[in-house]
């Protein structure tokens, strides 16, 4: 068992009690495999309703990296790459999974984890105007995450602008929603599930970091966006034989609006921690409203605080300073939050 306070990530606990209860209740029931079961079918209908996308195709995959690699590979031609923020998950924290699948990540400079429609347009124009473009990787899609790696949020207006650029240039827009529940629970957020379905060609609803044992739900709002996607999921090793376990979890998450509220405790706790940090004179590295908090510390401060609290390393600032990340989860308690604030 851990002796330190655990604020390193939002997937350190098991699963929400509603999910565990459903898993226990249905444990000995027999059902067909690979997501063809009744639980997965019920989950798909609930997700379609929540997204206001009655024709959406929905697939349950095993994890975030597998999902990103599978979807990106499915949406691109072999000679194309994916535009992303240079801080994006696929560019930094997926061990080259996209490149290992045969596609280059085409990084753009970010601002607080986000890229702009103008930057995407300039990237596409630069490729078209390059007389050597046949020798250069063609930008074939755009990848975003909401929330971003920096815990920031795209506004509906920003997402609409990015969607317009993608559609005018005939390339798909894909949103990584690994922490989507925390965006939906955040008062500063104005992007809804129906907005994502309206503006994106594909997105995924995160489960692993949002109360499920594991699993992500890929949503293609329009039918036949990727023919035979099921087969591609299998090829990429992201298909679960016991698919009903993933489907049942999303059925629970989308019952009685649980997914829209499951992140509220994490957002409240993060707000309290940010206020305490500022009150005690700490330096916030980035302004972000969700469940990720970044603090710039001297190495001595980082060592002292890390004796009591498990945080995640983010980056070295210089020889004397480091950025650490505090993350609250759907399961964080007031007692844990109080103890962390006392440690500060």
Protein backbone atom coordinates (compact mmCIF):
# COMPACT_ATOMS: atom_id res chain seq x y z
CA UNK A 1 0.00 0.00 0.00
CA UNK A 2 1.08 3.56 -0.63
CA UNK A 3 2.19 5.60 2.37
CA UNK A 4 2.25 8.93 0.51
CA UNK A 5 -0.72 10.96 -0.65
CA UNK A 6 -1.38 9.95 -4.25
CA UNK A 7 -1.95 12.84 -6.67
CA UNK A 8 0.14 11.61 -9.61
CA UNK A 9 -2.68 10.69 -11.98
CA UNK A 10 -6.40 10.10 -12.40
CA UNK A 11 -6.29 6.36 -13.08
CA UNK A 12 -4.80 5.10 -9.84
CA UNK A 13 -8.10 3.87 -8.39
CA UNK A 14 -10.16 0.96 -9.66
CA UNK A 15 -13.64 1.85 -10.87
CA UNK A 16 -16.74 3.77 -9.86
CA UNK A 17 -19.01 1.75 -7.52
CA UNK A 18 -21.81 1.77 -10.10
CA UNK A 19 -19.54 -0.05 -12.52
CA UNK A 20 -18.34 -2.56 -9.95
CA UNK A 21 -21.92 -3.26 -8.95
CA UNK A 22 -22.97 -3.92 -12.55
CA UNK A 23 -19.93 -6.13 -13.15
CA UNK A 24 -20.74 -8.17 -10.05
CA UNK A 25 -24.43 -8.46 -10.94
CA UNK A 26 -23.70 -9.72 -14.46
CA UNK A 27 -20.52 -11.67 -13.76
CA UNK A 28 -21.88 -15.15 -14.45
CA UNK A 29 -24.14 -14.22 -17.34
CA UNK A 30 -23.00 -15.56 -20.68
CA UNK A 31 -22.91 -13.20 -23.64
CA UNK A 32 -21.41 -13.03 -27.10
CA UNK A 33 -17.92 -11.62 -27.53
CA UNK A 34 -16.13 -8.73 -29.22
CA UNK A 35 -18.72 -6.10 -28.34
CA UNK A 36 -21.68 -7.82 -29.98
CA UNK A 37 -23.42 -8.29 -26.62
CA UNK A 38 -26.56 -6.62 -25.28
CA UNK A 39 -24.66 -4.47 -22.77
CA UNK A 40 -22.52 -2.91 -25.48
CA UNK A 41 -25.59 -2.36 -27.62
CA UNK A 42 -27.32 -0.55 -24.75
CA UNK A 43 -24.24 1.58 -24.15
CA UNK A 44 -24.09 2.58 -27.81
CA UNK A 45 -27.71 3.72 -27.75
CA UNK A 46 -27.12 5.80 -24.62
CA UNK A 47 -24.01 7.40 -26.11
CA UNK A 48 -25.86 8.20 -29.35
CA UNK A 49 -28.59 9.87 -27.31
CA UNK A 50 -26.08 11.85 -25.21
CA UNK A 51 -24.28 13.00 -28.38
CA UNK A 52 -27.54 13.69 -30.25
CA UNK A 53 -26.08 11.60 -33.06
CA UNK A 54 -28.55 8.82 -33.89
CA UNK A 55 -26.47 7.46 -36.77
CA UNK A 56 -23.16 7.37 -34.88
CA UNK A 57 -20.99 4.29 -35.00
CA UNK A 58 -19.41 3.48 -31.64
CA UNK A 59 -16.60 1.07 -30.81
CA UNK A 60 -15.11 0.12 -27.43
CA UNK A 61 -11.32 -0.14 -27.42
CA UNK A 62 -8.91 -1.23 -24.73
CA UNK A 63 -6.94 1.95 -23.96
CA UNK A 64 -5.95 5.44 -25.04
CA UNK A 65 -2.73 4.76 -26.96
CA UNK A 66 -4.32 1.85 -28.80
CA UNK A 67 -7.28 4.08 -29.63
CA UNK A 68 -5.17 6.94 -30.96
CA UNK A 69 -2.99 4.67 -33.06
CA UNK A 70 -5.97 2.75 -34.48
CA UNK A 71 -8.12 5.79 -35.31
CA UNK A 72 -5.25 7.80 -36.80
CA UNK A 73 -4.08 4.89 -38.91
CA UNK A 74 -7.65 4.33 -40.10
CA UNK A 75 -8.21 7.97 -41.10
CA UNK A 76 -4.92 8.50 -42.93
CA UNK A 77 -3.57 7.33 -46.24
CA UNK A 78 -0.12 5.67 -46.05
CA UNK A 79 1.65 8.83 -47.25
CA UNK A 80 -0.07 11.18 -44.80
CA UNK A 81 0.76 12.50 -41.33
CA UNK A 82 -1.27 13.95 -38.48
CA UNK A 83 -1.13 17.58 -37.38
CA UNK A 84 -0.94 17.98 -33.58
CA UNK A 85 0.31 20.38 -30.95
CA UNK A 86 3.97 19.76 -30.21
CA UNK A 87 2.84 19.15 -26.62
CA UNK A 88 0.09 16.72 -27.69
CA UNK A 89 -0.12 13.26 -26.21
CA UNK A 90 0.65 11.52 -29.50
CA UNK A 91 3.71 13.75 -29.97
CA UNK A 92 5.14 13.36 -26.47
CA UNK A 93 3.77 10.55 -24.31
CA UNK A 94 2.93 7.64 -26.59
CA UNK A 95 6.46 6.34 -27.19
CA UNK A 96 6.28 6.91 -30.95
CA UNK A 97 3.17 4.73 -31.36
CA UNK A 98 1.89 6.79 -34.28
CA UNK A 99 5.25 6.70 -36.08
CA UNK A 100 5.53 2.98 -35.36
CA UNK A 101 2.24 2.63 -37.23
CA UNK A 102 3.72 4.30 -40.31
CA UNK A 103 2.51 7.89 -39.88
CA UNK A 104 4.48 10.97 -38.93
CA UNK A 105 3.23 13.39 -36.27
CA UNK A 106 3.45 16.91 -37.74
CA UNK A 107 3.87 19.15 -34.67
CA UNK A 108 2.70 22.76 -34.47
CA UNK A 109 3.70 25.21 -31.73
CA UNK A 110 1.16 25.31 -28.95
CA UNK A 111 -0.14 27.99 -26.65
CA UNK A 112 -1.17 26.52 -23.31
CA UNK A 113 -1.48 23.15 -25.01
CA UNK A 114 -3.70 24.36 -27.85
CA UNK A 115 -3.26 24.94 -31.57
CA UNK A 116 -5.23 27.45 -33.63
CA UNK A 117 -7.22 27.25 -36.82
CA UNK A 118 -4.85 29.79 -38.36
CA UNK A 119 -1.83 27.62 -37.62
CA UNK A 120 -3.51 24.58 -39.16
CA UNK A 121 -4.47 26.60 -42.26
CA UNK A 122 -0.89 27.87 -42.61
CA UNK A 123 0.46 24.31 -42.31
CA UNK A 124 -1.85 23.05 -45.05
CA UNK A 125 -1.11 26.04 -47.29
CA UNK A 126 2.63 25.59 -46.83
CA UNK A 127 2.41 21.99 -47.96
CA UNK A 128 0.36 22.89 -51.03
CA UNK A 129 2.73 25.69 -51.99
CA UNK A 130 5.83 23.53 -51.59
CA UNK A 131 7.10 22.56 -55.05
CA UNK A 132 8.72 19.52 -53.44
CA UNK A 133 5.52 18.42 -51.74
CA UNK A 134 5.55 15.01 -53.43
CA UNK A 135 8.68 14.31 -51.38
CA UNK A 136 7.15 15.59 -48.15
CA UNK A 137 4.68 13.98 -45.72
CA UNK A 138 1.21 15.28 -46.55
CA UNK A 139 -0.84 16.63 -43.63
CA UNK A 140 -3.92 14.45 -43.66
CA UNK A 141 -5.81 15.11 -40.43
CA UNK A 142 -5.82 17.16 -37.23
CA UNK A 143 -5.51 15.73 -33.71
CA UNK A 144 -6.64 17.66 -30.62
CA UNK A 145 -7.19 16.67 -27.01
CA UNK A 146 -9.92 18.11 -24.79
CA UNK A 147 -8.78 18.80 -22.12
CA UNK A 148 -5.26 19.29 -23.45
CA UNK A 149 -2.06 17.93 -21.94
CA UNK A 150 -1.85 21.21 -20.02
CA UNK A 151 -5.34 20.86 -18.55
CA UNK A 152 -6.67 23.65 -20.76
CA UNK A 153 -9.89 23.66 -22.73
CA UNK A 154 -10.84 24.50 -26.28
CA UNK A 155 -13.80 26.84 -26.48
CA UNK A 156 -16.72 26.04 -28.76
CA UNK A 157 -15.67 28.99 -30.93
CA UNK A 158 -12.11 27.65 -31.26
CA UNK A 159 -13.39 24.16 -32.08
CA UNK A 160 -15.78 25.56 -34.68
CA UNK A 161 -12.93 27.44 -36.35
CA UNK A 162 -10.73 24.34 -36.42
CA UNK A 163 -13.57 22.24 -37.78
CA UNK A 164 -14.23 24.79 -40.54
CA UNK A 165 -10.57 24.74 -41.63
CA UNK A 166 -10.53 20.94 -41.69
CA UNK A 167 -13.74 20.66 -43.67
CA UNK A 168 -12.78 23.34 -46.18
CA UNK A 169 -9.55 21.41 -46.78
CA UNK A 170 -11.18 17.98 -46.85
CA UNK A 171 -9.32 16.48 -43.88
CA UNK A 172 -10.79 14.88 -40.73
CA UNK A 173 -10.74 16.40 -37.24
CA UNK A 174 -10.17 13.95 -34.39
CA UNK A 175 -10.44 14.73 -30.67
CA UNK A 176 -8.79 12.67 -27.94
CA UNK A 177 -11.15 12.70 -24.97
CA UNK A 178 -9.08 10.71 -22.49
CA UNK A 179 -10.09 13.18 -19.74
CA UNK A 180 -13.34 14.33 -21.34
CA UNK A 181 -15.40 13.82 -18.18
CA UNK A 182 -13.32 16.49 -16.42
CA UNK A 183 -13.98 18.94 -19.23
CA UNK A 184 -17.72 18.27 -19.10
CA UNK A 185 -17.71 18.86 -15.32
CA UNK A 186 -15.75 22.10 -15.56
CA UNK A 187 -17.76 25.37 -15.29
CA UNK A 188 -15.42 27.06 -17.80
CA UNK A 189 -16.19 24.47 -20.48
CA UNK A 190 -18.75 25.26 -23.19
CA UNK A 191 -18.09 22.26 -25.48
CA UNK A 192 -20.74 19.55 -25.17
CA UNK A 193 -20.95 16.00 -26.48
CA UNK A 194 -23.38 17.15 -29.23
CA UNK A 195 -20.83 19.85 -30.17
CA UNK A 196 -18.14 17.20 -30.57
CA UNK A 197 -20.46 15.07 -32.68
CA UNK A 198 -21.34 18.06 -34.86
CA UNK A 199 -17.82 19.40 -35.35
CA UNK A 200 -15.59 16.30 -35.38
CA UNK A 201 -15.19 13.40 -37.74
CA UNK A 202 -14.12 11.17 -34.86
CA UNK A 203 -13.58 11.49 -31.14
CA UNK A 204 -13.28 9.24 -28.18
CA UNK A 205 -14.92 9.31 -24.78
CA UNK A 206 -12.37 8.42 -22.14
CA UNK A 207 -13.11 5.69 -19.64
CA UNK A 208 -9.74 4.70 -18.18
CA UNK A 209 -9.13 8.10 -16.56
CA UNK A 210 -12.80 8.80 -15.92
CA UNK A 211 -14.05 6.09 -13.59
CA UNK A 212 -13.82 2.90 -15.64
CA UNK A 213 -11.48 0.01 -14.97
CA UNK A 214 -10.26 0.49 -18.54
CA UNK A 215 -11.56 1.25 -22.00
CA UNK A 216 -12.41 4.09 -24.37
CA UNK A 217 -15.45 4.65 -26.59
CA UNK A 218 -14.66 5.78 -30.14
CA UNK A 219 -17.45 7.74 -31.78
CA UNK A 220 -17.79 8.27 -35.52
CA UNK A 221 -20.78 10.65 -35.75
CA UNK A 222 -21.44 9.74 -39.39
CA UNK A 223 -21.82 6.21 -40.66
CA UNK A 224 -19.11 4.63 -42.82
CA UNK A 225 -16.50 7.22 -41.89
CA UNK A 226 -14.14 4.24 -41.67
CA UNK A 227 -15.47 1.09 -43.36
CA UNK A 228 -14.47 -2.12 -41.59
CA UNK A 229 -13.16 -0.27 -38.54
CA UNK A 230 -13.91 -3.33 -36.41
CA UNK A 231 -11.33 -5.30 -38.40
CA UNK A 232 -8.77 -2.50 -38.02
CA UNK A 233 -9.31 -2.55 -34.25
CA UNK A 234 -8.52 -6.26 -34.26
CA UNK A 235 -5.42 -5.72 -36.42
CA UNK A 236 -4.13 -3.15 -33.95
CA UNK A 237 -4.59 -5.41 -30.93
CA UNK A 238 -7.19 -3.15 -29.35
CA UNK A 239 -10.18 -5.52 -29.57
CA UNK A 240 -11.37 -7.22 -26.40
CA UNK A 241 -12.73 -10.77 -26.67
CA UNK A 242 -14.73 -10.07 -23.49
CA UNK A 243 -16.03 -6.90 -25.09
CA UNK A 244 -19.07 -6.88 -22.85
CA UNK A 245 -16.86 -5.76 -19.92
CA UNK A 246 -16.01 -2.51 -21.70
CA UNK A 247 -19.54 -2.06 -23.03
CA UNK A 248 -21.12 -2.62 -19.63
CA UNK A 249 -18.83 -0.01 -18.07
CA UNK A 250 -19.93 2.63 -20.57
CA UNK A 251 -23.54 1.55 -20.11
CA UNK A 252 -23.11 2.38 -16.41
CA UNK A 253 -21.25 5.64 -17.13
CA UNK A 254 -24.06 6.80 -19.41
CA UNK A 255 -26.90 5.84 -17.07
CA UNK A 256 -28.57 8.77 -15.29
CA UNK A 257 -26.00 11.23 -16.62
CA UNK A 258 -23.13 9.80 -14.55
CA UNK A 259 -20.46 10.64 -17.14
CA UNK A 260 -21.39 14.33 -17.13
CA UNK A 261 -21.07 14.56 -13.35
CA UNK A 262 -18.39 12.02 -12.44
CA UNK A 263 -15.62 14.60 -12.69
CA UNK A 264 -17.24 17.27 -10.53
CA UNK A 265 -15.47 16.24 -7.32
CA UNK A 266 -12.10 16.33 -9.07
CA UNK A 267 -12.79 19.83 -10.39
CA UNK A 268 -13.84 21.10 -6.94
CA UNK A 269 -10.77 19.57 -5.29
CA UNK A 270 -8.44 20.99 -7.94
CA UNK A 271 -9.97 24.44 -7.40
CA UNK A 272 -9.32 24.22 -3.65
CA UNK A 273 -5.75 23.08 -4.22
CA UNK A 274 -5.04 25.89 -6.70
CA UNK A 275 -6.39 28.48 -4.28
CA UNK A 276 -4.22 27.06 -1.48
CA UNK A 277 -1.13 27.04 -3.69
CA UNK A 278 -1.61 30.70 -4.59
CA UNK A 279 -2.38 31.61 -1.00
CA UNK A 280 0.84 29.96 0.16
CA UNK A 281 2.98 31.68 -2.48
CA UNK A 282 3.54 28.84 -4.93
CA UNK A 283 3.94 29.53 -8.66
CA UNK A 284 1.43 27.96 -11.03
CA UNK A 285 3.21 27.02 -14.25
CA UNK A 286 0.12 27.19 -16.46
CA UNK A 287 -3.38 28.57 -16.06
CA UNK A 288 -5.77 25.63 -16.38
CA UNK A 289 -9.27 25.08 -14.98
CA UNK A 290 -9.55 21.29 -15.02
CA UNK A 291 -8.14 18.52 -12.82
CA UNK A 292 -4.46 18.97 -13.69
CA UNK A 293 -2.37 21.48 -11.72
CA UNK A 294 1.20 22.37 -12.68
CA UNK A 295 3.56 24.00 -10.18
CA UNK A 296 7.07 25.36 -10.65
CA UNK A 297 9.30 24.46 -7.71
CA UNK A 298 12.93 24.69 -6.75
CA UNK A 299 14.52 21.27 -6.67
CA UNK A 300 14.72 21.47 -2.89
CA UNK A 301 11.01 22.32 -2.66
CA UNK A 302 10.17 19.47 -5.03
CA UNK A 303 12.21 16.99 -3.01
CA UNK A 304 10.64 18.09 0.29
CA UNK A 305 7.07 18.00 -0.98
CA UNK A 306 7.63 14.71 -2.79
CA UNK A 307 8.46 13.04 0.53
CA UNK A 308 4.79 13.39 1.47
CA UNK A 309 2.94 13.60 -1.85
CA UNK A 310 3.29 11.49 -4.97
CA UNK A 311 3.10 13.83 -7.98
CA UNK A 312 4.18 13.36 -11.58
CA UNK A 313 7.25 14.93 -13.12
CA UNK A 314 6.45 17.26 -16.00
CA UNK A 315 9.65 18.96 -17.13
CA UNK A 316 12.92 20.56 -16.10
CA UNK A 317 12.75 24.36 -16.28
CA UNK A 318 16.43 25.05 -15.65
CA UNK A 319 19.23 23.83 -13.41
CA UNK A 320 17.40 24.93 -10.28
CA UNK A 321 13.68 24.53 -11.07
CA UNK A 322 11.32 21.76 -12.08
CA UNK A 323 7.61 21.52 -12.96
CA UNK A 324 5.56 18.89 -11.17
CA UNK A 325 1.94 17.97 -11.85
CA UNK A 326 -0.80 17.40 -9.28
CA UNK A 327 -3.84 15.52 -10.62
CA UNK A 328 -7.18 15.01 -8.90
CA UNK A 329 -9.41 12.10 -9.89
CA UNK A 330 -13.10 11.28 -9.89
CA UNK A 331 -12.50 9.40 -6.59
CA UNK A 332 -10.59 12.11 -4.67
CA UNK A 333 -11.91 12.71 -1.15
CA UNK A 334 -12.17 15.87 0.91
CA UNK A 335 -9.86 14.28 3.50
CA UNK A 336 -7.16 13.68 0.88
CA UNK A 337 -7.55 17.24 -0.38
CA UNK A 338 -7.31 18.63 3.15
CA UNK A 339 -4.17 16.60 3.84
CA UNK A 340 -2.52 17.78 0.63
CA UNK A 341 -3.28 21.41 1.47
CA UNK A 342 -1.82 20.86 4.94
CA UNK A 343 1.37 19.47 3.35
CA UNK A 344 1.74 22.64 1.32
